[in-house]
C-alpha atoms as a PDB file:
ATOM      1  CA  MET A   1      35.227   5.696 -42.711  1.00  0.00           C
ATOM      2  CA  SER A   2      34.324   2.235 -41.474  1.00  0.00           C
ATOM      3  CA  ARG A   3      30.910   1.000 -40.932  1.00  0.00           C
ATOM      4  CA  VAL A   4      28.950   1.024 -37.904  1.00  0.00           C
ATOM      5  CA  LYS A   5      26.651  -1.818 -37.004  1.00  0.00           C
ATOM      6  CA  ARG A   6      24.096  -0.984 -34.569  1.00  0.00           C
ATOM      7  CA  GLY A   7      22.985  -4.887 -33.287  1.00  0.00           C
ATOM      8  CA  VAL A   8      24.645  -4.743 -29.995  1.00  0.00           C
ATOM      9  CA  MET A   9      22.739  -1.680 -28.729  1.00  0.00           C
ATOM     10  CA  HIS A  10      19.416  -3.065 -30.399  1.00  0.00           C
ATOM     11  CA  ASN A  11      19.289  -6.393 -28.717  1.00  0.00           C
ATOM     12  CA  LYS A  12      20.326  -4.278 -25.359  1.00  0.00           C
ATOM     13  CA  ARG A  13      17.267  -2.061 -25.619  1.00  0.00           C
ATOM     14  CA  ARG A  14      15.196  -4.853 -26.439  1.00  0.00           C
ATOM     15  CA  LYS A  15      16.663  -7.209 -23.915  1.00  0.00           C
ATOM     16  CA  GLY A  16      16.347  -4.540 -21.039  1.00  0.00           C
ATOM     17  CA  ILE A  17      12.296  -3.925 -22.004  1.00  0.00           C
ATOM     18  CA  LEU A  18      11.693  -7.609 -22.022  1.00  0.00           C
ATOM     19  CA  LYS A  19      13.630  -7.756 -18.725  1.00  0.00           C
ATOM     20  CA  LEU A  20      10.968  -5.555 -17.311  1.00  0.00           C
ATOM     21  CA  VAL A  21       7.981  -7.263 -17.976  1.00  0.00           C
ATOM     22  CA  LYS A  22       9.011 -10.715 -17.309  1.00  0.00           C
ATOM     23  CA  GLY A  23       5.766 -12.412 -15.541  1.00  0.00           C
ATOM     24  CA  PHE A  24       3.359 -10.808 -17.988  1.00  0.00           C
ATOM     25  CA  LYS A  25       0.980 -12.574 -19.680  1.00  0.00           C
ATOM     26  CA  TYR A  26       0.295 -13.133 -23.427  1.00  0.00           C
ATOM     27  CA  GLY A  27       2.266 -11.130 -26.024  1.00  0.00           C
ATOM     28  CA  ARG A  28       2.889  -8.399 -23.403  1.00  0.00           C
ATOM     29  CA  LYS A  29       5.737 -10.507 -22.132  1.00  0.00           C
ATOM     30  CA  ASN A  30       7.838 -11.282 -25.520  1.00  0.00           C
ATOM     31  CA  LEU A  31       6.556  -8.762 -28.274  1.00  0.00           C
ATOM     32  CA  ILE A  32       8.308  -5.342 -27.891  1.00  0.00           C
ATOM     33  CA  ARG A  33       5.406  -2.776 -28.746  1.00  0.00           C
ATOM     34  CA  GLN A  34       3.100  -4.529 -26.328  1.00  0.00           C
ATOM     35  CA  ALA A  35       5.677  -4.585 -23.893  1.00  0.00           C
ATOM     36  CA  LYS A  36       6.314  -0.836 -24.123  1.00  0.00           C
ATOM     37  CA  THR A  37       2.812  -0.289 -23.616  1.00  0.00           C
ATOM     38  CA  ALA A  38       2.715  -2.850 -20.939  1.00  0.00           C
ATOM     39  CA  ILE A  39       5.702  -0.925 -19.166  1.00  0.00           C
ATOM     40  CA  LEU A  40       3.927   2.436 -19.483  1.00  0.00           C
ATOM     41  CA  LYS A  41       0.557   1.277 -17.614  1.00  0.00           C
ATOM     42  CA  ALA A  42       2.480  -0.907 -15.203  1.00  0.00           C
ATOM     43  CA  ASP A  43       4.392   2.448 -14.332  1.00  0.00           C
ATOM     44  CA  GLU A  44       1.403   4.518 -14.215  1.00  0.00           C
ATOM     45  CA  HIS A  45      -0.658   2.349 -12.028  1.00  0.00           C
ATOM     46  CA  SER A  46       2.387   1.426  -9.366  1.00  0.00           C
ATOM     47  CA  PHE A  47       2.503   5.286  -9.110  1.00  0.00           C
ATOM     48  CA  ARG A  48      -0.967   6.022  -8.382  1.00  0.00           C
ATOM     49  CA  ASP A  49      -1.423   2.558  -6.197  1.00  0.00           C
ATOM     50  CA  ARG A  50       1.383   3.706  -3.818  1.00  0.00           C
ATOM     51  CA  ARG A  51      -0.583   6.444  -3.038  1.00  0.00           C
ATOM     52  CA  ALA A  52      -3.946   4.589  -2.805  1.00  0.00           C
ATOM     53  CA  LYS A  53      -1.820   1.862  -0.379  1.00  0.00           C
ATOM     54  CA  LYS A  54      -1.334   4.556   2.364  1.00  0.00           C
ATOM     55  CA  ARG A  55      -5.313   5.391   2.121  1.00  0.00           C
ATOM     56  CA  ASN A  56      -6.589   1.789   2.196  1.00  0.00           C
ATOM     57  CA  PHE A  57      -4.502   0.894   4.971  1.00  0.00           C
ATOM     58  CA  ARG A  58      -5.444   4.084   6.965  1.00  0.00           C
ATOM     59  CA  GLU A  59      -9.448   2.592   6.205  1.00  0.00           C
ATOM     60  CA  LEU A  60      -8.423  -1.018   7.608  1.00  0.00           C
ATOM     61  CA  TRP A  61      -7.174   0.145  10.372  1.00  0.00           C
ATOM     62  CA  GLN A  62     -10.120   2.678  11.080  1.00  0.00           C
ATOM     63  CA  ILE A  63     -12.465  -0.355  10.613  1.00  0.00           C
ATOM     64  CA  ARG A  64     -10.208  -2.711  13.269  1.00  0.00           C
ATOM     65  CA  ILE A  65     -10.334  -0.109  15.991  1.00  0.00           C
ATOM     66  CA  SER A  66     -14.002   0.276  15.388  1.00  0.00           C
ATOM     67  CA  ALA A  67     -14.333  -3.366  15.733  1.00  0.00           C
ATOM     68  CA  ALA A  68     -12.405  -3.493  18.884  1.00  0.00           C
ATOM     69  CA  LEU A  69     -14.585  -0.399  20.367  1.00  0.00           C
ATOM     70  CA  LEU A  70     -18.172  -2.382  19.677  1.00  0.00           C
ATOM     71  CA  PRO A  71     -17.770  -4.249  23.493  1.00  0.00           C
ATOM     72  CA  PHE A  72     -17.458  -1.212  25.072  1.00  0.00           C
ATOM     73  CA  GLU A  73     -20.200   0.823  23.272  1.00  0.00           C
ATOM     74  CA  MET A  74     -18.149   3.648  21.928  1.00  0.00           C
ATOM     75  CA  SER A  75     -17.762   5.348  18.808  1.00  0.00           C
ATOM     76  CA  TYR A  76     -14.351   5.362  16.670  1.00  0.00           C
ATOM     77  CA  SER A  77     -14.898   9.324  16.257  1.00  0.00           C
ATOM     78  CA  LYS A  78     -15.662   9.574  19.789  1.00  0.00           C
ATOM     79  CA  PHE A  79     -12.595   7.355  20.839  1.00  0.00           C
ATOM     80  CA  MET A  80      -9.954   9.269  18.800  1.00  0.00           C
ATOM     81  CA  GLY A  81     -11.712  12.731  19.792  1.00  0.00           C
ATOM     82  CA  ALA A  82     -10.844  11.551  23.641  1.00  0.00           C
ATOM     83  CA  LEU A  83      -7.386  10.521  22.778  1.00  0.00           C
ATOM     84  CA  LYS A  84      -6.593  13.552  21.567  1.00  0.00           C
ATOM     85  CA  ALA A  85      -7.906  15.116  24.411  1.00  0.00           C
ATOM     86  CA  LYS A  86      -6.064  13.179  27.103  1.00  0.00           C
ATOM     87  CA  ASN A  87      -3.146  13.861  24.500  1.00  0.00           C
ATOM     88  CA  ILE A  88      -2.120  10.372  23.872  1.00  0.00           C
ATOM     89  CA  LEU A  89      -0.447  10.198  20.845  1.00  0.00           C
ATOM     90  CA  LEU A  90      -0.572   6.620  19.321  1.00  0.00           C
ATOM     91  CA  ASP A  91      -1.293   5.800  15.651  1.00  0.00           C
ATOM     92  CA  ARG A  92      -4.225   4.055  14.046  1.00  0.00           C
ATOM     93  CA  LYS A  93      -1.707   1.080  12.962  1.00  0.00           C
ATOM     94  CA  VAL A  94      -0.874   1.021  16.478  1.00  0.00           C
ATOM     95  CA  LEU A  95      -4.062   1.152  18.088  1.00  0.00           C
ATOM     96  CA  ALA A  96      -5.552  -1.283  15.222  1.00  0.00           C
ATOM     97  CA  THR A  97      -2.857  -4.109  16.207  1.00  0.00           C
ATOM     98  CA  LEU A  98      -3.407  -3.619  20.133  1.00  0.00           C
ATOM     99  CA  GLY A  99      -7.001  -4.120  19.500  1.00  0.00           C
ATOM    100  CA  GLU A 100      -6.589  -6.935  17.607  1.00  0.00           C
ATOM    101  CA  LYS A 101      -3.687  -8.542  19.572  1.00  0.00           C
ATOM    102  CA  ASN A 102      -3.727  -8.021  22.658  1.00  0.00           C
ATOM    103  CA  PRO A 103      -7.291  -6.457  23.852  1.00  0.00           C
ATOM    104  CA  GLU A 104      -6.574  -6.232  27.514  1.00  0.00           C
ATOM    105  CA  VAL A 105      -3.957  -3.431  26.768  1.00  0.00           C
ATOM    106  CA  PHE A 106      -6.681  -1.888  25.051  1.00  0.00           C
ATOM    107  CA  LYS A 107      -9.175  -2.043  26.962  1.00  0.00           C
ATOM    108  CA  ALA A 108      -7.174  -0.588  29.505  1.00  0.00           C
ATOM    109  CA  LEU A 109      -6.484   2.501  26.869  1.00  0.00           C
ATOM    110  CA  VAL A 110     -10.493   2.387  26.808  1.00  0.00           C
ATOM    111  CA  GLU A 111     -10.751   3.060  30.326  1.00  0.00           C
ATOM    112  CA  LYS A 112      -8.341   5.685  30.626  1.00  0.00           C
ATOM    113  CA  VAL A 113     -10.145   8.130  27.863  1.00  0.00           C
ATOM    114  CA  LYS A 114     -13.480   7.383  29.264  1.00  0.00           C
END
């Protein structure tokens, strides 16, 4: 029976791991044991932060809408409640963009729900 040398697979696996940690700092980018742990941690963080990103943006949009409502002396919660009552189905992202980029359209919207 012929001898099987496994160097090809070993190198391929190592290269794959090191490709994933390209751009990391210190030993995490070129030492296999550290690279493996770095990949595990990075995957955990990315999974968690894909959900956190949604929370962060919602919070940001709420702050922007609230800031756009300051000249009209209306609170965020009252405004959102009035929108729901008038059955205006605009999401927070659109409202925040309107308040920031098109204040005249946002003003018309506020006047409509008052």
